[in-house]
Structure formats: C-alpha cells, structure tokens
Amino acid sequence: MDLEECINKRRSIRNFQSKAVEKEKILKLIESAQMAPSWKNSQVSRFFVISSEKVRKEIANCLASFNQENTKNAPVIIVSTVVKNISGFEKDGSYSTHLKDGFQYFDNGLQVQNLCLEAYNLGLGTLIMGIYDEEKIRSLLNIPKDQEIVAVIGVGYPNIEPKMPKRLEVDEVVKFF
C-alpha cells in the first residue's frame, strides 16, 4: 500500500471486531511511531499497550461514555505519553520556542500519526481519544510523574468502513506569498 492511499483512506474507527491483534503488528505500530521526527531527536513519546482483557476494561472505564461504547470491542488500547520538559527545552530547563511546553505535544502527534497510518497499512483501525480520567489511568498503569498522558488510542480490526468527513478545500487553508 502506498503512503497516499494510507493518508487518504485512514479513518477514525468507532466499531471494532472482537478479534485479537497480533503482537507483531502492535510492535510494528510502535516501531513506525518511533520513526517520526522529534525535537533534537529527543524521542519523548512512550506507549503503554493494554491487551489484557481485565486491564483493558479498567482503562475503558476511564474514558468518556461515548468512547467506552466506541471501543467496547477494541482488543488493544494504547496510552501515549510524553516525558515532560525535554522536547522544546534547553538543557537548563528554559523554553526554546514561544510554544513553551507545546512542542512535546507536536512531537507526540507526529508519532501517533505514524502509528495510525501504519495501523491502516496493516489492516487495523484506530480511534484517538482525548477525554479520559488521567489520574485513574496513571494509577492503573503506574505511569511515572515525569510523563504526561497525551492520548488514548483504541486499536483493532475495523467492523465498519466510515466515509470520509468533509474536508476544507486546499485554497481555504493555504496562503502563498
């Protein structure tokens, strides 16, 4: 499958098959995520992969109710974090850019995008979620305090093929000088 097809056909999946995802595929997702660029090659993203049914249900209970429903059959949940105060920072702890600590989220977004594109390439679907009980997830997974949870991602084999939502036209988002 080529890159253009992955970019144009990948969709957020809100209905998954009750089918296990092979560990090799999950490892490939993480490997692809790690290939994304990051601030001074800081590689600050970390991934907590939940495939145990018991823990997956506990994590699902930390999601907004609509996302609990959207991912009820997803066999894997990945919690994506960043190690804080590295990406976009100088060695003395000062900010390197006007984005202050925002660059770490940019780096994580690049990695999560790679993960989602690779998932589509492997026949998997993903749903990136941003509404969750951070402290409960942190406690359940024993996530260190120096990491911040950025996204929770449902992963599995899609049970639907959603249509592409309307996108803005290119001339609506670009200005040439």
Protein backbone atom coordinates (compact mmCIF):
# COMPACT_ATOMS: atom_id res chain seq x y z
CA MET A 1 0.00 0.00 0.00
CA ASP A 2 1.39 3.42 -0.80
CA LEU A 3 1.56 6.44 1.51
CA GLU A 4 -1.05 8.45 -0.39
CA GLU A 5 -3.58 5.66 -0.01
CA CYS A 6 -2.91 5.43 3.75
CA ILE A 7 -3.27 9.19 4.17
CA ASN A 8 -6.46 9.41 2.11
CA LYS A 9 -8.24 6.30 3.34
CA ARG A 10 -7.37 6.13 7.05
CA ARG A 11 -10.39 6.92 9.23
CA SER A 12 -11.24 7.02 12.91
CA ILE A 13 -12.87 3.71 13.72
CA ARG A 14 -15.72 3.62 16.19
CA ASN A 15 -16.70 -0.03 15.80
CA PHE A 16 -14.19 -2.85 16.12
CA GLN A 17 -14.33 -6.59 15.58
CA SER A 18 -13.83 -8.79 18.65
CA LYS A 19 -10.64 -10.19 17.15
CA ALA A 20 -7.22 -10.21 18.80
CA VAL A 21 -4.43 -8.15 17.26
CA GLU A 22 -1.17 -9.98 16.74
CA LYS A 23 1.70 -8.79 18.98
CA GLU A 24 3.94 -8.45 15.90
CA LYS A 25 1.53 -5.88 14.46
CA ILE A 26 1.47 -3.87 17.69
CA LEU A 27 5.27 -3.87 17.77
CA LYS A 28 5.28 -2.65 14.15
CA LEU A 29 2.95 0.22 15.14
CA ILE A 30 5.35 1.31 17.88
CA GLU A 31 8.36 0.92 15.59
CA SER A 32 6.67 3.13 12.99
CA ALA A 33 5.80 5.70 15.66
CA GLN A 34 9.45 5.85 16.70
CA MET A 35 10.48 6.72 13.15
CA ALA A 36 8.77 10.13 13.36
CA PRO A 37 10.98 13.17 13.78
CA SER A 38 11.25 14.81 17.20
CA TRP A 39 12.85 17.89 18.73
CA LYS A 40 16.63 17.35 18.59
CA ASN A 41 15.86 13.62 18.24
CA SER A 42 14.60 13.67 21.83
CA GLN A 43 12.11 10.81 21.22
CA VAL A 44 9.96 11.74 24.22
CA SER A 45 6.88 9.62 23.45
CA ARG A 46 6.19 6.45 25.42
CA PHE A 47 3.49 3.87 24.73
CA PHE A 48 1.62 1.74 27.25
CA VAL A 49 -0.03 -1.15 25.39
CA ILE A 50 -3.03 -2.77 27.06
CA SER A 51 -4.20 -6.06 25.60
CA SER A 52 -5.15 -7.87 28.80
CA GLU A 53 -8.96 -8.05 28.90
CA LYS A 54 -9.06 -7.18 32.61
CA VAL A 55 -6.83 -4.11 32.36
CA ARG A 56 -8.44 -3.05 29.06
CA LYS A 57 -11.85 -2.95 30.79
CA GLU A 58 -10.41 -0.94 33.67
CA ILE A 59 -8.89 1.58 31.24
CA ALA A 60 -12.13 1.69 29.22
CA ASN A 61 -13.94 2.74 32.40
CA CYS A 62 -11.66 5.80 32.48
CA LEU A 63 -12.94 7.01 29.09
CA ALA A 64 -15.89 9.26 28.30
CA SER A 65 -19.05 7.14 27.99
CA PHE A 66 -19.31 7.61 24.21
CA ASN A 67 -15.72 6.38 23.79
CA GLN A 68 -16.39 3.43 26.07
CA GLU A 69 -19.09 2.48 23.56
CA ASN A 70 -16.86 3.27 20.55
CA THR A 71 -14.07 0.99 21.77
CA LYS A 72 -16.03 -1.73 23.58
CA ASN A 73 -14.73 -4.42 21.18
CA ALA A 74 -11.28 -2.92 20.57
CA PRO A 75 -8.84 -5.62 21.74
CA VAL A 76 -5.99 -3.15 22.32
CA ILE A 77 -5.77 0.24 23.94
CA ILE A 78 -2.56 2.24 23.71
CA VAL A 79 -1.89 5.09 26.13
CA SER A 80 0.54 7.58 24.62
CA THR A 81 2.60 9.78 26.93
CA VAL A 82 5.45 12.26 26.68
CA VAL A 83 8.40 12.60 29.00
CA LYS A 84 7.92 16.19 30.14
CA ASN A 85 10.32 19.12 29.91
CA ILE A 86 12.65 17.76 27.21
CA SER A 87 11.16 18.48 23.78
CA GLY A 88 11.30 22.23 23.16
CA PHE A 89 13.50 22.89 26.18
CA GLU A 90 17.12 23.90 26.63
CA LYS A 91 19.43 21.90 28.91
CA ASP A 92 18.95 24.48 31.66
CA GLY A 93 15.17 23.89 31.62
CA SER A 94 14.23 27.12 29.82
CA TYR A 95 11.90 27.09 26.84
CA SER A 96 13.48 27.02 23.40
CA THR A 97 10.49 28.37 21.49
CA HIS A 98 7.44 30.55 22.01
CA LEU A 99 5.42 27.30 22.18
CA LYS A 100 6.90 26.72 25.64
CA ASP A 101 5.99 23.11 26.56
CA GLY A 102 3.79 22.73 23.46
CA PHE A 103 6.49 21.25 21.28
CA GLN A 104 6.36 17.96 23.20
CA TYR A 105 2.73 17.55 22.09
CA PHE A 106 3.71 18.28 18.50
CA ASP A 107 6.33 15.52 18.67
CA ASN A 108 3.82 13.11 20.17
CA GLY A 109 1.29 13.97 17.47
CA LEU A 110 3.81 13.12 14.77
CA GLN A 111 4.45 9.76 16.37
CA VAL A 112 0.75 8.98 16.87
CA GLN A 113 0.08 9.88 13.24
CA ASN A 114 2.77 7.41 12.12
CA LEU A 115 1.20 4.79 14.39
CA CYS A 116 -2.26 5.37 12.87
CA LEU A 117 -1.01 5.28 9.29
CA GLU A 118 0.88 2.05 9.96
CA ALA A 119 -2.23 0.59 11.58
CA TYR A 120 -4.22 1.29 8.43
CA ASN A 121 -1.42 -0.19 6.33
CA LEU A 122 -1.65 -3.40 8.42
CA GLY A 123 -5.44 -3.64 8.10
CA LEU A 124 -6.10 -2.23 11.57
CA GLY A 125 -8.18 0.72 12.67
CA THR A 126 -7.57 3.32 15.37
CA LEU A 127 -9.50 5.85 17.40
CA ILE A 128 -7.55 8.64 19.09
CA MET A 129 -9.29 9.82 22.25
CA GLY A 130 -8.58 12.89 24.34
CA ILE A 131 -11.25 12.76 27.04
CA TYR A 132 -10.31 10.46 29.92
CA ASP A 133 -9.61 10.32 33.65
CA GLU A 134 -5.89 10.99 33.59
CA GLU A 135 -5.20 10.28 37.25
CA LYS A 136 -7.05 6.98 37.20
CA ILE A 137 -5.18 5.83 34.08
CA ARG A 138 -1.88 7.00 35.58
CA SER A 139 -2.58 4.97 38.71
CA LEU A 140 -3.76 1.83 36.87
CA LEU A 141 -0.70 1.75 34.61
CA ASN A 142 1.78 3.14 37.15
CA ILE A 143 2.79 5.93 34.74
CA PRO A 144 5.68 7.96 36.18
CA LYS A 145 5.01 11.56 37.24
CA ASP A 146 7.61 12.82 34.74
CA GLN A 147 5.31 11.67 31.92
CA GLU A 148 2.09 13.28 30.77
CA ILE A 149 -0.71 11.34 29.13
CA VAL A 150 -1.46 12.86 25.73
CA ALA A 151 -3.82 10.41 24.04
CA VAL A 152 -5.59 7.09 24.48
CA ILE A 153 -5.86 5.08 21.26
CA GLY A 154 -8.22 2.21 20.57
CA VAL A 155 -6.72 -0.32 18.15
CA GLY A 156 -8.26 -3.30 16.41
CA TYR A 157 -9.73 -4.71 13.27
CA PRO A 158 -12.44 -2.38 11.93
CA ASN A 159 -16.01 -3.58 11.82
CA ILE A 160 -17.05 -0.63 9.60
CA GLU A 161 -15.72 1.47 6.72
CA PRO A 162 -16.60 5.06 7.60
CA LYS A 163 -16.96 7.61 4.82
CA MET A 164 -14.52 10.48 4.74
CA PRO A 165 -15.87 13.51 6.59
CA LYS A 166 -15.96 16.78 4.68
CA ARG A 167 -12.58 18.44 4.50
CA LEU A 168 -11.77 22.07 3.83
CA GLU A 169 -10.54 22.75 0.33
CA VAL A 170 -6.81 23.36 -0.03
CA ASP A 171 -7.37 27.00 -1.03
CA GLU A 172 -9.21 27.52 2.28
CA VAL A 173 -6.16 26.59 4.37
CA VAL A 174 -3.18 27.90 2.43
CA LYS A 175 -1.71 31.32 1.64
CA PHE A 176 1.19 31.76 -0.75
CA PHE A 177 3.49 34.79 -0.58
